[in-house]
């Protein structure tokens, strides 16, 4: 009797097959994210290339500063170059700094530089009788090269 009843029962109707369209909201978000990524990638690549080119030009300009200049002029040339780099990076407020606040900014923007090597930019630059030894000049140039490579302003 159970078999006859089971045979008389109607089987439930199968649901229609699931269509691939319209897409679920998660797919729409994924598509939107992909389009946004595709549109912003060239801008990001261009910005990275421009920044790398600016860094290379700044390092070349640093190497072109004449070592035969007097101490005060030599320091002024390096100071001007750093401020030009900062201005190109959009940090114009930093270009108005001088003395200890200027040195503090340089050390904060790149914590790996040695404050002692950059000290002539704060102290000797504005003295009429600026005097630097060759070792001070070399240390300053090395620290400025490090600053240009590693600073993130």
N, C-alpha and C. Protein backbone atom coordinates (compact mmCIF):
# COMPACT_ATOMS: atom_id res chain seq x y z
N UNK A 1 0.81 -1.19 0.00
CA UNK A 1 0.00 0.00 0.00
C UNK A 1 0.86 1.26 0.00
N UNK A 2 1.93 1.21 0.70
CA UNK A 2 2.81 2.36 0.72
C UNK A 2 3.40 2.64 -0.64
N UNK A 3 3.66 1.58 -1.36
CA UNK A 3 4.22 1.77 -2.68
C UNK A 3 3.22 2.41 -3.62
N UNK A 4 1.99 2.08 -3.52
CA UNK A 4 0.98 2.67 -4.39
C UNK A 4 0.76 4.14 -4.04
N UNK A 5 0.79 4.43 -2.77
CA UNK A 5 0.64 5.84 -2.38
C UNK A 5 1.83 6.66 -2.86
N UNK A 6 3.01 6.11 -2.73
CA UNK A 6 4.21 6.82 -3.16
C UNK A 6 4.20 7.05 -4.66
N UNK A 7 3.62 6.11 -5.41
CA UNK A 7 3.57 6.27 -6.86
C UNK A 7 2.52 7.29 -7.26
N UNK A 8 1.53 7.47 -6.43
CA UNK A 8 0.47 8.42 -6.76
C UNK A 8 0.87 9.87 -6.45
N UNK A 9 1.87 10.02 -5.58
CA UNK A 9 2.30 11.39 -5.25
C UNK A 9 2.94 12.07 -6.46
N UNK A 10 2.69 13.33 -6.56
CA UNK A 10 3.29 14.09 -7.65
C UNK A 10 4.68 14.57 -7.21
N UNK A 11 5.59 14.48 -8.12
CA UNK A 11 6.94 14.98 -7.83
C UNK A 11 6.92 16.51 -7.90
N UNK A 12 7.67 17.18 -7.00
CA UNK A 12 7.68 18.64 -7.04
C UNK A 12 8.32 19.14 -8.34
N UNK A 13 7.87 20.29 -8.77
CA UNK A 13 8.39 20.87 -10.01
C UNK A 13 9.80 21.38 -9.77
N UNK A 14 10.69 21.12 -10.69
CA UNK A 14 12.07 21.59 -10.58
C UNK A 14 12.10 23.09 -10.84
N UNK A 15 12.92 23.82 -10.07
CA UNK A 15 13.00 25.26 -10.32
C UNK A 15 13.67 25.52 -11.66
N UNK A 16 13.40 26.68 -12.23
CA UNK A 16 14.06 26.99 -13.51
C UNK A 16 15.57 27.12 -13.29
N UNK A 17 16.36 26.86 -14.32
CA UNK A 17 17.82 26.99 -14.15
C UNK A 17 18.19 28.44 -13.83
N UNK A 18 19.24 28.57 -13.04
CA UNK A 18 19.69 29.90 -12.61
C UNK A 18 20.38 30.58 -13.78
N UNK A 19 19.95 31.78 -14.08
CA UNK A 19 20.51 32.54 -15.20
C UNK A 19 21.78 33.27 -14.75
N UNK A 20 22.69 33.47 -15.65
CA UNK A 20 23.89 34.21 -15.31
C UNK A 20 23.64 35.72 -15.33
N UNK A 21 22.53 36.11 -15.91
CA UNK A 21 22.19 37.53 -15.97
C UNK A 21 20.86 37.76 -15.32
N UNK A 22 20.68 38.72 -14.53
CA UNK A 22 21.56 39.79 -14.08
C UNK A 22 22.55 39.28 -13.03
N UNK A 23 23.67 39.95 -13.01
CA UNK A 23 24.73 39.55 -12.10
C UNK A 23 24.37 39.89 -10.66
N UNK A 24 24.95 39.16 -9.77
CA UNK A 24 24.76 39.43 -8.34
C UNK A 24 25.49 40.72 -7.97
N UNK A 25 25.07 41.40 -6.90
CA UNK A 25 25.71 42.67 -6.51
C UNK A 25 27.22 42.55 -6.27
N UNK A 26 27.68 41.43 -5.78
CA UNK A 26 29.11 41.26 -5.57
C UNK A 26 29.90 41.33 -6.86
N UNK A 27 29.34 40.78 -7.93
CA UNK A 27 30.01 40.85 -9.23
C UNK A 27 30.06 42.29 -9.74
N UNK A 28 28.98 43.05 -9.52
CA UNK A 28 28.97 44.45 -9.94
C UNK A 28 30.05 45.24 -9.21
N UNK A 29 30.21 44.97 -7.91
CA UNK A 29 31.26 45.65 -7.15
C UNK A 29 32.64 45.26 -7.66
N UNK A 30 32.82 44.00 -7.97
CA UNK A 30 34.10 43.55 -8.50
C UNK A 30 34.41 44.19 -9.85
N UNK A 31 33.41 44.30 -10.71
CA UNK A 31 33.60 44.95 -12.01
C UNK A 31 33.94 46.43 -11.82
N UNK A 32 33.21 47.10 -10.93
CA UNK A 32 33.48 48.53 -10.68
C UNK A 32 34.89 48.72 -10.13
N UNK A 33 35.31 47.86 -9.21
CA UNK A 33 36.66 47.95 -8.65
C UNK A 33 37.71 47.72 -9.74
N UNK A 34 37.47 46.74 -10.61
CA UNK A 34 38.40 46.47 -11.71
C UNK A 34 38.52 47.65 -12.66
N UNK A 35 37.39 48.27 -13.00
CA UNK A 35 37.43 49.45 -13.88
C UNK A 35 38.16 50.61 -13.22
N UNK A 36 37.90 50.82 -11.95
CA UNK A 36 38.58 51.88 -11.21
C UNK A 36 40.08 51.63 -11.18
N UNK A 37 40.46 50.40 -10.96
CA UNK A 37 41.87 50.04 -10.94
C UNK A 37 42.52 50.26 -12.31
N UNK A 38 41.82 49.88 -13.37
CA UNK A 38 42.35 50.06 -14.73
C UNK A 38 42.49 51.53 -15.09
N UNK A 39 41.58 52.36 -14.60
CA UNK A 39 41.66 53.79 -14.93
C UNK A 39 42.70 54.51 -14.08
N UNK A 40 42.93 54.06 -12.85
CA UNK A 40 43.87 54.76 -11.99
C UNK A 40 45.30 54.24 -12.12
N UNK A 41 45.49 53.06 -12.65
CA UNK A 41 46.84 52.49 -12.78
C UNK A 41 47.77 53.37 -13.62
N UNK A 42 47.34 53.86 -14.79
CA UNK A 42 48.24 54.73 -15.55
C UNK A 42 48.61 56.01 -14.80
N UNK A 43 47.68 56.56 -14.05
CA UNK A 43 47.99 57.77 -13.28
C UNK A 43 49.02 57.47 -12.20
N UNK A 44 48.87 56.34 -11.55
CA UNK A 44 49.82 55.95 -10.51
C UNK A 44 51.20 55.68 -11.10
N UNK A 45 51.24 55.01 -12.23
CA UNK A 45 52.52 54.73 -12.88
C UNK A 45 53.20 56.03 -13.30
N UNK A 46 52.42 56.95 -13.84
CA UNK A 46 52.99 58.24 -14.25
C UNK A 46 53.53 59.02 -13.06
N UNK A 47 52.81 59.00 -11.95
CA UNK A 47 53.27 59.71 -10.75
C UNK A 47 54.56 59.10 -10.21
N UNK A 48 54.65 57.78 -10.22
CA UNK A 48 55.86 57.12 -9.73
C UNK A 48 57.04 57.44 -10.64
N UNK A 49 56.81 57.41 -11.95
CA UNK A 49 57.90 57.74 -12.89
C UNK A 49 58.35 59.19 -12.74
N UNK A 50 57.39 60.09 -12.58
CA UNK A 50 57.73 61.51 -12.42
C UNK A 50 58.55 61.72 -11.15
N UNK A 51 58.14 61.06 -10.08
CA UNK A 51 58.86 61.20 -8.81
C UNK A 51 60.28 60.64 -8.93
N UNK A 52 60.41 59.50 -9.61
CA UNK A 52 61.73 58.90 -9.81
C UNK A 52 62.60 59.81 -10.66
N UNK A 53 62.02 60.41 -11.69
CA UNK A 53 62.78 61.32 -12.55
C UNK A 53 63.21 62.56 -11.78
N UNK A 54 62.33 63.09 -10.95
CA UNK A 54 62.69 64.25 -10.12
C UNK A 54 63.84 63.90 -9.18
N UNK A 55 63.77 62.71 -8.59
CA UNK A 55 64.84 62.29 -7.68
C UNK A 55 66.16 62.18 -8.42
N UNK A 56 66.12 61.60 -9.63
CA UNK A 56 67.34 61.46 -10.42
C UNK A 56 67.90 62.82 -10.79
N UNK A 57 67.05 63.74 -11.21
CA UNK A 57 67.50 65.08 -11.56
C UNK A 57 68.09 65.80 -10.35
N UNK A 58 67.48 65.62 -9.19
CA UNK A 58 68.00 66.26 -7.98
C UNK A 58 69.36 65.68 -7.61
N UNK A 59 69.53 64.38 -7.75
CA UNK A 59 70.83 63.78 -7.44
C UNK A 59 71.89 64.24 -8.43
N UNK A 60 71.51 64.40 -9.69
CA UNK A 60 72.46 64.91 -10.68
C UNK A 60 72.82 66.36 -10.38
N UNK A 61 71.84 67.15 -9.98
CA UNK A 61 72.12 68.55 -9.63
C UNK A 61 73.01 68.62 -8.40
N UNK A 62 72.82 67.72 -7.46
CA UNK A 62 73.67 67.68 -6.27
C UNK A 62 75.11 67.37 -6.66
N UNK A 63 75.28 66.46 -7.61
CA UNK A 63 76.63 66.11 -8.06
C UNK A 63 77.28 67.23 -8.86
N UNK A 64 76.47 68.10 -9.48
CA UNK A 64 77.01 69.19 -10.30
C UNK A 64 77.42 70.41 -9.49
N UNK A 65 77.09 70.46 -8.22
CA UNK A 65 77.47 71.64 -7.42
C UNK A 65 78.99 71.67 -7.32
N UNK A 66 79.55 72.80 -7.67
CA UNK A 66 81.00 72.96 -7.74
C UNK A 66 81.63 72.88 -6.35
N UNK A 67 82.52 71.92 -6.14
CA UNK A 67 83.17 71.82 -4.82
C UNK A 67 84.18 72.93 -4.57
N UNK A 68 84.52 73.70 -5.61
CA UNK A 68 85.48 74.78 -5.44
C UNK A 68 84.85 76.06 -4.90
N UNK A 69 83.54 76.07 -4.74
CA UNK A 69 82.87 77.25 -4.20
C UNK A 69 83.32 77.48 -2.76
N UNK A 70 83.18 78.73 -2.33
CA UNK A 70 83.45 79.03 -0.93
C UNK A 70 82.44 78.32 -0.04
N UNK A 71 82.76 78.20 1.22
CA UNK A 71 81.90 77.42 2.13
C UNK A 71 80.48 77.96 2.18
N UNK A 72 80.35 79.25 2.28
CA UNK A 72 79.01 79.83 2.38
C UNK A 72 78.21 79.62 1.09
N UNK A 73 78.84 79.85 -0.05
CA UNK A 73 78.16 79.66 -1.33
C UNK A 73 77.84 78.18 -1.56
N UNK A 74 78.75 77.32 -1.15
CA UNK A 74 78.55 75.88 -1.30
C UNK A 74 77.36 75.42 -0.46
N UNK A 75 77.28 75.90 0.78
CA UNK A 75 76.13 75.56 1.64
C UNK A 75 74.84 76.14 1.07
N UNK A 76 74.90 77.37 0.56
CA UNK A 76 73.70 78.00 -0.01
C UNK A 76 73.21 77.23 -1.23
N UNK A 77 74.13 76.73 -2.05
CA UNK A 77 73.74 75.95 -3.23
C UNK A 77 73.04 74.66 -2.81
N UNK A 78 73.56 73.99 -1.81
CA UNK A 78 72.93 72.76 -1.34
C UNK A 78 71.57 73.04 -0.70
N UNK A 79 71.52 74.09 0.08
CA UNK A 79 70.26 74.47 0.74
C UNK A 79 69.19 74.81 -0.29
N UNK A 80 69.58 75.56 -1.31
CA UNK A 80 68.64 75.93 -2.38
C UNK A 80 68.14 74.70 -3.12
N UNK A 81 69.04 73.77 -3.38
CA UNK A 81 68.65 72.54 -4.07
C UNK A 81 67.62 71.76 -3.26
N UNK A 82 67.85 71.62 -1.97
CA UNK A 82 66.91 70.87 -1.12
C UNK A 82 65.55 71.57 -1.13
N UNK A 83 65.56 72.87 -1.04
CA UNK A 83 64.29 73.60 -1.01
C UNK A 83 63.58 73.50 -2.37
N UNK A 84 64.32 73.44 -3.45
CA UNK A 84 63.70 73.24 -4.77
C UNK A 84 63.06 71.86 -4.85
N UNK A 85 63.72 70.85 -4.29
CA UNK A 85 63.15 69.50 -4.27
C UNK A 85 61.84 69.50 -3.49
N UNK A 86 61.85 70.15 -2.33
CA UNK A 86 60.64 70.20 -1.51
C UNK A 86 59.52 70.96 -2.21
N UNK A 87 59.87 72.03 -2.90
CA UNK A 87 58.85 72.80 -3.61
C UNK A 87 58.25 71.96 -4.75
N UNK A 88 59.08 71.19 -5.43
CA UNK A 88 58.58 70.32 -6.49
C UNK A 88 57.66 69.24 -5.94
N UNK A 89 57.87 68.86 -4.70
CA UNK A 89 57.03 67.85 -4.05
C UNK A 89 55.79 68.46 -3.40
N UNK A 90 55.62 69.77 -3.50
CA UNK A 90 54.42 70.40 -2.96
C UNK A 90 54.53 70.77 -1.49
N UNK A 91 55.73 70.88 -0.97
CA UNK A 91 55.93 71.23 0.44
C UNK A 91 56.51 72.64 0.55
N UNK A 92 55.79 73.61 0.01
CA UNK A 92 56.30 74.98 -0.01
C UNK A 92 56.45 75.58 1.38
N UNK A 93 55.63 75.13 2.34
CA UNK A 93 55.74 75.70 3.69
C UNK A 93 57.10 75.36 4.30
N UNK A 94 57.70 74.25 3.90
CA UNK A 94 59.00 73.87 4.43
C UNK A 94 60.11 74.74 3.84
N UNK A 95 59.88 75.34 2.69
CA UNK A 95 60.93 76.15 2.07
C UNK A 95 61.14 77.46 2.81
N UNK A 96 60.24 77.82 3.69
CA UNK A 96 60.37 79.07 4.46
C UNK A 96 61.14 78.86 5.76
N UNK A 97 61.46 77.63 6.08
CA UNK A 97 62.16 77.34 7.33
C UNK A 97 63.65 77.64 7.21
N UNK A 98 64.27 77.94 8.33
CA UNK A 98 65.72 78.11 8.39
C UNK A 98 66.18 77.84 9.82
N UNK A 99 67.45 77.64 9.99
CA UNK A 99 68.00 77.40 11.32
C UNK A 99 67.59 76.03 11.86
N UNK A 100 67.37 75.99 13.16
CA UNK A 100 67.01 74.72 13.82
C UNK A 100 65.68 74.14 13.34
N UNK A 101 64.63 74.95 13.11
CA UNK A 101 63.40 74.35 12.57
C UNK A 101 63.61 73.68 11.21
N UNK A 102 64.48 74.25 10.40
CA UNK A 102 64.81 73.66 9.10
C UNK A 102 65.51 72.32 9.29
N UNK A 103 66.45 72.28 10.21
CA UNK A 103 67.16 71.04 10.50
C UNK A 103 66.20 69.99 11.08
N UNK A 104 65.30 70.43 11.95
CA UNK A 104 64.30 69.51 12.52
C UNK A 104 63.43 68.92 11.41
N UNK A 105 63.01 69.76 10.47
CA UNK A 105 62.18 69.26 9.37
C UNK A 105 62.93 68.23 8.53
N UNK A 106 64.18 68.51 8.21
CA UNK A 106 64.96 67.57 7.41
C UNK A 106 65.10 66.22 8.12
N UNK A 107 65.33 66.27 9.42
CA UNK A 107 65.50 65.03 10.19
C UNK A 107 64.18 64.29 10.36
N UNK A 108 63.08 65.01 10.45
CA UNK A 108 61.77 64.36 10.59
C UNK A 108 61.31 63.74 9.27
N UNK A 109 61.63 64.40 8.15
CA UNK A 109 61.17 63.87 6.87
C UNK A 109 61.96 62.64 6.44
N UNK A 110 63.13 62.45 7.00
CA UNK A 110 63.92 61.24 6.74
C UNK A 110 64.67 60.89 8.02
N UNK A 111 64.11 60.04 8.85
CA UNK A 111 64.70 59.77 10.16
C UNK A 111 66.08 59.12 10.11
N UNK A 112 66.49 58.59 8.99
CA UNK A 112 67.78 57.89 8.94
C UNK A 112 68.97 58.83 8.76
N UNK A 113 68.74 60.08 8.43
CA UNK A 113 69.87 60.99 8.25
C UNK A 113 70.46 61.35 9.61
N UNK A 114 71.73 61.66 9.60
CA UNK A 114 72.42 62.03 10.83
C UNK A 114 72.33 63.53 11.02
N UNK A 115 71.76 63.91 12.13
CA UNK A 115 71.55 65.33 12.41
C UNK A 115 72.87 66.10 12.44
N UNK A 116 73.90 65.49 12.98
CA UNK A 116 75.19 66.17 13.08
C UNK A 116 75.77 66.53 11.73
N UNK A 117 75.58 65.67 10.74
CA UNK A 117 76.12 65.95 9.41
C UNK A 117 75.37 67.08 8.73
N UNK A 118 74.08 67.24 9.05
CA UNK A 118 73.28 68.30 8.44
C UNK A 118 73.37 69.62 9.21
N UNK A 119 74.02 69.62 10.34
CA UNK A 119 74.10 70.80 11.20
C UNK A 119 74.62 72.05 10.48
N UNK A 120 75.58 71.94 9.56
CA UNK A 120 76.03 73.16 8.86
C UNK A 120 74.91 73.88 8.11
N UNK A 121 73.88 73.17 7.68
CA UNK A 121 72.77 73.83 6.99
C UNK A 121 72.00 74.74 7.95
N UNK A 122 72.01 74.42 9.22
CA UNK A 122 71.29 75.24 10.19
C UNK A 122 72.17 76.32 10.78
N UNK A 123 73.43 75.99 11.05
CA UNK A 123 74.27 76.94 11.78
C UNK A 123 75.19 77.77 10.91
N UNK A 124 75.93 77.12 10.03
CA UNK A 124 76.98 77.81 9.28
C UNK A 124 76.45 78.61 8.09
N UNK A 125 75.30 78.27 7.61
CA UNK A 125 74.80 78.87 6.38
C UNK A 125 74.66 80.38 6.48
N UNK A 126 74.23 80.88 7.61
CA UNK A 126 73.95 82.31 7.73
C UNK A 126 75.05 83.07 8.48
N UNK A 127 76.15 82.42 8.75
CA UNK A 127 77.28 83.12 9.37
C UNK A 127 78.16 83.71 8.28
N UNK A 128 78.63 84.92 8.48
CA UNK A 128 79.49 85.52 7.45
C UNK A 128 80.81 84.77 7.29
N UNK A 129 81.27 84.16 8.36
CA UNK A 129 82.55 83.45 8.28
C UNK A 129 82.34 81.94 8.39
N UNK A 130 81.56 81.42 7.48
CA UNK A 130 81.29 79.98 7.49
C UNK A 130 82.56 79.23 7.13
N UNK A 131 82.84 78.18 7.89
CA UNK A 131 84.03 77.38 7.61
C UNK A 131 83.68 75.90 7.77
N UNK A 132 83.95 75.14 6.72
CA UNK A 132 83.71 73.70 6.73
C UNK A 132 84.99 72.97 6.37
N UNK A 133 85.22 71.87 7.03
CA UNK A 133 86.35 71.02 6.65
C UNK A 133 85.91 70.11 5.51
N UNK A 134 86.89 69.48 4.88
CA UNK A 134 86.56 68.56 3.79
C UNK A 134 85.72 67.40 4.30
N UNK A 135 86.00 66.92 5.50
CA UNK A 135 85.21 65.81 6.04
C UNK A 135 83.77 66.24 6.31
N UNK A 136 83.58 67.49 6.75
CA UNK A 136 82.21 67.99 6.96
C UNK A 136 81.47 68.10 5.63
N UNK A 137 82.17 68.58 4.61
CA UNK A 137 81.54 68.68 3.29
C UNK A 137 81.14 67.30 2.78
N UNK A 138 82.06 66.35 2.90
CA UNK A 138 81.78 65.00 2.41
C UNK A 138 80.61 64.38 3.18
N UNK A 139 80.60 64.54 4.50
CA UNK A 139 79.51 63.99 5.31
C UNK A 139 78.18 64.63 4.95
N UNK A 140 78.20 65.95 4.70
CA UNK A 140 76.97 66.64 4.34
C UNK A 140 76.43 66.15 2.99
N UNK A 141 77.31 65.99 2.02
CA UNK A 141 76.88 65.50 0.71
C UNK A 141 76.32 64.09 0.82
N UNK A 142 76.97 63.23 1.58
CA UNK A 142 76.47 61.86 1.76
C UNK A 142 75.10 61.85 2.42
N UNK A 143 74.91 62.69 3.42
CA UNK A 143 73.61 62.74 4.09
C UNK A 143 72.53 63.32 3.18
N UNK A 144 72.89 64.30 2.37
CA UNK A 144 71.91 64.86 1.44
C UNK A 144 71.54 63.84 0.36
N UNK A 145 72.50 63.05 -0.08
CA UNK A 145 72.18 61.98 -1.03
C UNK A 145 71.23 60.98 -0.39
N UNK A 146 71.51 60.62 0.86
CA UNK A 146 70.62 59.69 1.57
C UNK A 146 69.24 60.31 1.74
N UNK A 147 69.19 61.59 2.08
CA UNK A 147 67.91 62.27 2.27
C UNK A 147 67.11 62.25 0.96
N UNK A 148 67.77 62.51 -0.16
CA UNK A 148 67.06 62.52 -1.44
C UNK A 148 66.56 61.13 -1.82
N UNK A 149 67.32 60.10 -1.48
CA UNK A 149 66.88 58.74 -1.80
C UNK A 149 65.73 58.29 -0.93
N UNK A 150 65.72 58.68 0.33
CA UNK A 150 64.81 58.07 1.29
C UNK A 150 63.71 58.97 1.80
N UNK A 151 63.77 60.24 1.53
CA UNK A 151 62.75 61.12 2.12
C UNK A 151 61.39 60.88 1.50
N UNK A 152 60.36 61.03 2.32
CA UNK A 152 58.99 60.74 1.89
C UNK A 152 58.09 61.93 2.18
N UNK A 153 58.39 63.04 1.58
CA UNK A 153 57.54 64.21 1.80
C UNK A 153 56.62 64.38 0.64
